[in-house]
Amino acid sequence: MKRLAPHALAAALAALAAPAFAQVGNPERIPPGAATAQVSVTYGAPLAGMLKRYGESEVADLAAILQRKVELSAARGGFTRAEIVLEDARPNRPTLEQQSRIPGLSMRSIALGGATIRGVLYRADGASQPLTFSWYESDISREFGATTWYDAERAFDILGSELSRGRVSARLGPGTPGPYSCQGAFDVWCRG
């Protein structure tokens, strides 16, 4: 039996465990002919206030990932349209903009990340459902190997899983953002 190097084994296991249409850290590719919902994504006040600190292009890329996730998942769940507000997103690692502004900051800095999403979903018959979703990591020990927006994208995956089943429940958890969400020597970077 051929032995795989640890990193090759991890990559093979991740590929098997990931849904066919999504991978955390990679924008989704919409399969040809897949049904999609019409989705608009805007920023809520908390995130809009952080655009210059996080970097406008990085937040725009994150919003595009959320949009693609909702386009596919909402359509699978029977929704035709969604108006989404990305209220808040917290990075696990410093963004490029933060690294350029704060001397001594590095990609070794780590924090608890996640996202808060609100909005309204519409079905073909015109029925609408409000959406309130929030997910933030609550255990810093699970952040080993996290990329910049790992937990925010994980929140999008969890939301997408719920939407694809047609469920739109008010979900807040497991962690909720608070004054101690940022941990480590560089705790000032994750909210400032």
C-alpha atoms as a PDB file:
ATOM      1  CA  MET A   1       0.000   0.000   0.000  1.00  0.00           C
ATOM      2  CA  LYS A   2       1.321   3.400  -0.974  1.00  0.00           C
ATOM      3  CA  ARG A   3       1.790   5.855   1.902  1.00  0.00           C
ATOM      4  CA  LEU A   4       0.688   9.453   1.408  1.00  0.00           C
ATOM      5  CA  ALA A   5       2.562  12.404   2.855  1.00  0.00           C
ATOM      6  CA  PRO A   6       0.587  14.033   5.718  1.00  0.00           C
ATOM      7  CA  HIS A   7      -0.303  17.119   3.654  1.00  0.00           C
ATOM      8  CA  ALA A   8      -1.437  14.981   0.700  1.00  0.00           C
ATOM      9  CA  LEU A   9      -3.575  12.843   2.985  1.00  0.00           C
ATOM     10  CA  ALA A  10      -5.164  15.927   4.541  1.00  0.00           C
ATOM     11  CA  ALA A  11      -5.915  17.378   1.099  1.00  0.00           C
ATOM     12  CA  ALA A  12      -7.472  14.096  -0.066  1.00  0.00           C
ATOM     13  CA  LEU A  13      -9.669  13.866   3.047  1.00  0.00           C
ATOM     14  CA  ALA A  14     -10.757  17.494   2.694  1.00  0.00           C
ATOM     15  CA  ALA A  15     -11.723  16.918  -0.930  1.00  0.00           C
ATOM     16  CA  LEU A  16     -13.872  13.948   0.066  1.00  0.00           C
ATOM     17  CA  ALA A  17     -15.541  15.791   2.945  1.00  0.00           C
ATOM     18  CA  ALA A  18     -16.289  19.031   1.063  1.00  0.00           C
ATOM     19  CA  PRO A  19     -19.604  19.444  -0.763  1.00  0.00           C
ATOM     20  CA  ALA A  20     -19.276  19.150  -4.523  1.00  0.00           C
ATOM     21  CA  PHE A  21     -20.082  22.821  -5.055  1.00  0.00           C
ATOM     22  CA  ALA A  22     -18.155  24.499  -2.214  1.00  0.00           C
ATOM     23  CA  GLN A  23     -14.797  24.638  -0.568  1.00  0.00           C
ATOM     24  CA  VAL A  24     -14.002  26.930   2.341  1.00  0.00           C
ATOM     25  CA  GLY A  25     -11.489  29.498   1.196  1.00  0.00           C
ATOM     26  CA  ASN A  26     -12.349  29.189  -2.507  1.00  0.00           C
ATOM     27  CA  PRO A  27     -15.071  31.050  -4.351  1.00  0.00           C
ATOM     28  CA  GLU A  28     -17.808  28.738  -5.514  1.00  0.00           C
ATOM     29  CA  ARG A  29     -18.112  27.783  -9.118  1.00  0.00           C
ATOM     30  CA  ILE A  30     -21.677  27.656 -10.331  1.00  0.00           C
ATOM     31  CA  PRO A  31     -22.170  24.465 -12.331  1.00  0.00           C
ATOM     32  CA  PRO A  32     -23.490  24.983 -15.874  1.00  0.00           C
ATOM     33  CA  GLY A  33     -27.278  24.837 -15.963  1.00  0.00           C
ATOM     34  CA  ALA A  34     -27.653  25.081 -12.163  1.00  0.00           C
ATOM     35  CA  ALA A  35     -30.715  26.937 -10.910  1.00  0.00           C
ATOM     36  CA  THR A  36     -29.840  30.090  -9.020  1.00  0.00           C
ATOM     37  CA  ALA A  37     -31.798  32.638  -7.047  1.00  0.00           C
ATOM     38  CA  GLN A  38     -31.536  36.364  -7.713  1.00  0.00           C
ATOM     39  CA  VAL A  39     -29.431  37.707  -4.821  1.00  0.00           C
ATOM     40  CA  SER A  40     -28.336  41.187  -3.795  1.00  0.00           C
ATOM     41  CA  VAL A  41     -25.777  41.706  -1.025  1.00  0.00           C
ATOM     42  CA  THR A  42     -25.238  44.996   0.783  1.00  0.00           C
ATOM     43  CA  TYR A  43     -23.201  45.921   3.871  1.00  0.00           C
ATOM     44  CA  GLY A  44     -24.698  46.665   7.260  1.00  0.00           C
ATOM     45  CA  ALA A  45     -23.497  49.581   9.381  1.00  0.00           C
ATOM     46  CA  PRO A  46     -21.020  47.558  11.508  1.00  0.00           C
ATOM     47  CA  LEU A  47     -19.196  46.180   8.463  1.00  0.00           C
ATOM     48  CA  ALA A  48     -19.475  49.411   6.462  1.00  0.00           C
ATOM     49  CA  GLY A  49     -17.643  51.145   9.312  1.00  0.00           C
ATOM     50  CA  MET A  50     -14.787  48.644   8.985  1.00  0.00           C
ATOM     51  CA  LEU A  51     -14.343  48.805   5.186  1.00  0.00           C
ATOM     52  CA  LYS A  52     -11.300  51.079   5.257  1.00  0.00           C
ATOM     53  CA  ARG A  53      -9.692  49.095   8.062  1.00  0.00           C
ATOM     54  CA  TYR A  54     -10.230  45.678   6.452  1.00  0.00           C
ATOM     55  CA  GLY A  55      -9.743  46.816   2.868  1.00  0.00           C
ATOM     56  CA  GLU A  56     -12.652  47.473   0.518  1.00  0.00           C
ATOM     57  CA  SER A  57     -11.578  44.938  -2.108  1.00  0.00           C
ATOM     58  CA  GLU A  58     -11.188  42.125   0.444  1.00  0.00           C
ATOM     59  CA  VAL A  59     -14.659  42.779   1.852  1.00  0.00           C
ATOM     60  CA  ALA A  60     -16.090  42.962  -1.681  1.00  0.00           C
ATOM     61  CA  ASP A  61     -14.526  39.558  -2.439  1.00  0.00           C
ATOM     62  CA  LEU A  62     -16.060  38.162   0.758  1.00  0.00           C
ATOM     63  CA  ALA A  63     -19.489  39.563  -0.195  1.00  0.00           C
ATOM     64  CA  ALA A  64     -19.160  37.920  -3.639  1.00  0.00           C
ATOM     65  CA  ILE A  65     -18.524  34.550  -1.964  1.00  0.00           C
ATOM     66  CA  LEU A  66     -21.646  35.036   0.175  1.00  0.00           C
ATOM     67  CA  GLN A  67     -23.674  35.996  -2.904  1.00  0.00           C
ATOM     68  CA  ARG A  68     -22.627  32.870  -4.840  1.00  0.00           C
ATOM     69  CA  LYS A  69     -23.338  30.665  -1.820  1.00  0.00           C
ATOM     70  CA  VAL A  70     -26.843  32.098  -1.403  1.00  0.00           C
ATOM     71  CA  GLU A  71     -27.592  31.995  -5.165  1.00  0.00           C
ATOM     72  CA  LEU A  72     -27.120  28.234  -5.240  1.00  0.00           C
ATOM     73  CA  SER A  73     -28.397  27.299  -1.793  1.00  0.00           C
ATOM     74  CA  ALA A  74     -31.516  29.459  -1.870  1.00  0.00           C
ATOM     75  CA  ALA A  75     -32.538  28.043  -5.262  1.00  0.00           C
ATOM     76  CA  ARG A  76     -32.141  24.495  -3.936  1.00  0.00           C
ATOM     77  CA  GLY A  77     -34.356  25.391  -0.984  1.00  0.00           C
ATOM     78  CA  GLY A  78     -37.136  26.797  -3.170  1.00  0.00           C
ATOM     79  CA  PHE A  79     -36.343  30.507  -2.935  1.00  0.00           C
ATOM     80  CA  THR A  80     -36.245  32.671  -6.049  1.00  0.00           C
ATOM     81  CA  ARG A  81     -34.885  35.945  -4.660  1.00  0.00           C
ATOM     82  CA  ALA A  82     -32.911  37.151  -1.648  1.00  0.00           C
ATOM     83  CA  GLU A  83     -31.994  40.566  -0.290  1.00  0.00           C
ATOM     84  CA  ILE A  84     -29.002  39.949   1.971  1.00  0.00           C
ATOM     85  CA  VAL A  85     -27.247  42.343   4.335  1.00  0.00           C
ATOM     86  CA  LEU A  86     -23.778  41.310   5.484  1.00  0.00           C
ATOM     87  CA  GLU A  87     -23.973  43.037   8.864  1.00  0.00           C
ATOM     88  CA  ASP A  88     -20.616  42.015  10.264  1.00  0.00           C
ATOM     89  CA  ALA A  89     -17.648  39.849   9.360  1.00  0.00           C
ATOM     90  CA  ARG A  90     -14.589  39.259  11.498  1.00  0.00           C
ATOM     91  CA  PRO A  91     -11.327  37.926  10.075  1.00  0.00           C
ATOM     92  CA  ASN A  92      -9.246  35.167  11.640  1.00  0.00           C
ATOM     93  CA  ARG A  93      -6.017  36.613  10.338  1.00  0.00           C
ATOM     94  CA  PRO A  94      -5.113  40.221   9.535  1.00  0.00           C
ATOM     95  CA  THR A  95      -6.203  41.465   6.122  1.00  0.00           C
ATOM     96  CA  LEU A  96      -3.610  42.915   3.753  1.00  0.00           C
ATOM     97  CA  GLU A  97      -4.885  46.407   4.570  1.00  0.00           C
ATOM     98  CA  GLN A  98      -4.456  45.817   8.304  1.00  0.00           C
ATOM     99  CA  GLN A  99      -0.951  44.457   7.791  1.00  0.00           C
ATOM    100  CA  SER A 100      -0.002  47.562   5.831  1.00  0.00           C
ATOM    101  CA  ARG A 101      -1.384  49.890   8.543  1.00  0.00           C
ATOM    102  CA  ILE A 102      -0.179  48.211  11.734  1.00  0.00           C
ATOM    103  CA  PRO A 103       3.601  47.739  12.088  1.00  0.00           C
ATOM    104  CA  GLY A 104       4.698  44.380  13.482  1.00  0.00           C
ATOM    105  CA  LEU A 105       1.483  42.621  12.559  1.00  0.00           C
ATOM    106  CA  SER A 106       1.880  39.297  10.780  1.00  0.00           C
ATOM    107  CA  MET A 107      -0.163  36.419   9.420  1.00  0.00           C
ATOM    108  CA  ARG A 108       0.718  34.551  12.626  1.00  0.00           C
ATOM    109  CA  SER A 109      -1.749  36.807  14.477  1.00  0.00           C
ATOM    110  CA  ILE A 110      -5.032  35.008  15.056  1.00  0.00           C
ATOM    111  CA  ALA A 111      -8.519  35.817  16.307  1.00  0.00           C
ATOM    112  CA  LEU A 112     -11.962  34.282  16.470  1.00  0.00           C
ATOM    113  CA  GLY A 113     -13.900  35.085  13.305  1.00  0.00           C
ATOM    114  CA  GLY A 114     -17.397  34.736  11.941  1.00  0.00           C
ATOM    115  CA  ALA A 115     -20.243  36.673  10.371  1.00  0.00           C
ATOM    116  CA  THR A 116     -23.725  38.096  10.954  1.00  0.00           C
ATOM    117  CA  ILE A 117     -26.198  38.094   8.060  1.00  0.00           C
ATOM    118  CA  ARG A 118     -29.709  39.500   7.875  1.00  0.00           C
ATOM    119  CA  GLY A 119     -32.149  39.774   5.026  1.00  0.00           C
ATOM    120  CA  VAL A 120     -35.339  38.635   3.374  1.00  0.00           C
ATOM    121  CA  LEU A 121     -35.886  35.551   1.211  1.00  0.00           C
ATOM    122  CA  TYR A 122     -38.710  35.267  -1.329  1.00  0.00           C
ATOM    123  CA  ARG A 123     -40.418  32.207  -2.800  1.00  0.00           C
ATOM    124  CA  ALA A 124     -41.972  31.983  -6.280  1.00  0.00           C
ATOM    125  CA  ASP A 125     -45.475  32.556  -4.869  1.00  0.00           C
ATOM    126  CA  GLY A 126     -44.355  35.902  -3.400  1.00  0.00           C
ATOM    127  CA  ALA A 127     -44.165  34.697   0.211  1.00  0.00           C
ATOM    128  CA  SER A 128     -41.273  36.222   2.103  1.00  0.00           C
ATOM    129  CA  GLN A 129     -39.307  35.099   5.131  1.00  0.00           C
ATOM    130  CA  PRO A 130     -36.958  37.217   7.242  1.00  0.00           C
ATOM    131  CA  LEU A 131     -33.442  35.913   7.726  1.00  0.00           C
ATOM    132  CA  THR A 132     -31.298  36.469  10.805  1.00  0.00           C
ATOM    133  CA  PHE A 133     -28.153  34.377  10.957  1.00  0.00           C
ATOM    134  CA  SER A 134     -24.993  34.696  12.995  1.00  0.00           C
ATOM    135  CA  TRP A 135     -22.118  32.309  13.552  1.00  0.00           C
ATOM    136  CA  TYR A 136     -18.816  33.080  15.277  1.00  0.00           C
ATOM    137  CA  GLU A 137     -16.193  30.586  16.366  1.00  0.00           C
ATOM    138  CA  SER A 138     -16.010  30.286  20.142  1.00  0.00           C
ATOM    139  CA  ASP A 139     -12.841  28.219  20.624  1.00  0.00           C
ATOM    140  CA  ILE A 140      -9.437  29.626  19.665  1.00  0.00           C
ATOM    141  CA  SER A 141      -7.943  26.116  19.663  1.00  0.00           C
ATOM    142  CA  ARG A 142      -9.919  25.335  16.468  1.00  0.00           C
ATOM    143  CA  GLU A 143      -8.239  28.167  14.579  1.00  0.00           C
ATOM    144  CA  PHE A 144      -5.037  26.299  13.690  1.00  0.00           C
ATOM    145  CA  GLY A 145      -4.463  26.755   9.966  1.00  0.00           C
ATOM    146  CA  ALA A 146      -7.279  29.283   9.534  1.00  0.00           C
ATOM    147  CA  THR A 147      -7.037  31.662   6.585  1.00  0.00           C
ATOM    148  CA  THR A 148      -8.028  35.339   6.729  1.00  0.00           C
ATOM    149  CA  TRP A 149     -11.808  34.875   6.370  1.00  0.00           C
ATOM    150  CA  TYR A 150     -12.030  31.189   7.320  1.00  0.00           C
ATOM    151  CA  ASP A 151     -14.758  31.494   9.973  1.00  0.00           C
ATOM    152  CA  ALA A 152     -16.804  34.021   7.972  1.00  0.00           C
ATOM    153  CA  GLU A 153     -16.814  31.597   5.041  1.00  0.00           C
ATOM    154  CA  ARG A 154     -17.663  28.784   7.437  1.00  0.00           C
ATOM    155  CA  ALA A 155     -20.669  30.829   8.572  1.00  0.00           C
ATOM    156  CA  PHE A 156     -21.685  31.166   4.898  1.00  0.00           C
ATOM    157  CA  ASP A 157     -21.403  27.378   4.490  1.00  0.00           C
ATOM    158  CA  ILE A 158     -23.620  26.752   7.517  1.00  0.00           C
ATOM    159  CA  LEU A 159     -26.160  29.290   6.250  1.00  0.00           C
ATOM    160  CA  GLY A 160     -26.057  27.721   2.783  1.00  0.00           C
ATOM    161  CA  SER A 161     -26.719  24.301   4.235  1.00  0.00           C
ATOM    162  CA  GLU A 162     -29.807  25.621   6.039  1.00  0.00           C
ATOM    163  CA  LEU A 163     -31.095  27.479   2.966  1.00  0.00           C
ATOM    164  CA  SER A 164     -30.652  24.476   0.672  1.00  0.00           C
ATOM    165  CA  ARG A 165     -33.018  22.564   2.965  1.00  0.00           C
ATOM    166  CA  GLY A 166     -35.563  25.388   2.756  1.00  0.00           C
ATOM    167  CA  ARG A 167     -35.011  26.370   6.380  1.00  0.00           C
ATOM    168  CA  VAL A 168     -34.788  29.989   7.421  1.00  0.00           C
ATOM    169  CA  SER A 169     -34.580  30.012  11.170  1.00  0.00           C
ATOM    170  CA  ALA A 170     -33.303  32.804  13.347  1.00  0.00           C
ATOM    171  CA  ARG A 171     -29.968  31.386  14.378  1.00  0.00           C
ATOM    172  CA  LEU A 172     -27.443  33.130  16.522  1.00  0.00           C
ATOM    173  CA  GLY A 173     -24.511  31.036  17.636  1.00  0.00           C
ATOM    174  CA  PRO A 174     -22.487  29.155  18.710  1.00  0.00           C
ATOM    175  CA  GLY A 175     -20.262  32.072  19.588  1.00  0.00           C
ATOM    176  CA  THR A 176     -21.415  35.647  19.585  1.00  0.00           C
ATOM    177  CA  PRO A 177     -19.111  38.582  19.015  1.00  0.00           C
ATOM    178  CA  GLY A 178     -18.108  40.370  22.127  1.00  0.00           C
ATOM    179  CA  PRO A 179     -15.292  42.474  23.524  1.00  0.00           C
ATOM    180  CA  TYR A 180     -13.134  39.365  24.013  1.00  0.00           C
ATOM    181  CA  SER A 181     -13.551  37.855  20.540  1.00  0.00           C
ATOM    182  CA  CYS A 182     -10.023  38.917  19.700  1.00  0.00           C
ATOM    183  CA  GLN A 183      -7.307  36.979  21.473  1.00  0.00           C
ATOM    184  CA  GLY A 184      -3.565  36.998  21.435  1.00  0.00           C
ATOM    185  CA  ALA A 185      -0.822  39.577  21.542  1.00  0.00           C
ATOM    186  CA  PHE A 186      -2.253  41.548  18.615  1.00  0.00           C
ATOM    187  CA  ASP A 187      -5.861  41.715  19.807  1.00  0.00           C
ATOM    188  CA  VAL A 188      -6.164  45.350  18.721  1.00  0.00           C
ATOM    189  CA  TRP A 189      -6.034  44.452  15.008  1.00  0.00           C
ATOM    190  CA  CYS A 190      -9.159  42.370  14.690  1.00  0.00           C
ATOM    191  CA  ARG A 191     -11.551  45.234  15.448  1.00  0.00           C
ATOM    192  CA  GLY A 192      -9.344  48.185  14.800  1.00  0.00           C
END
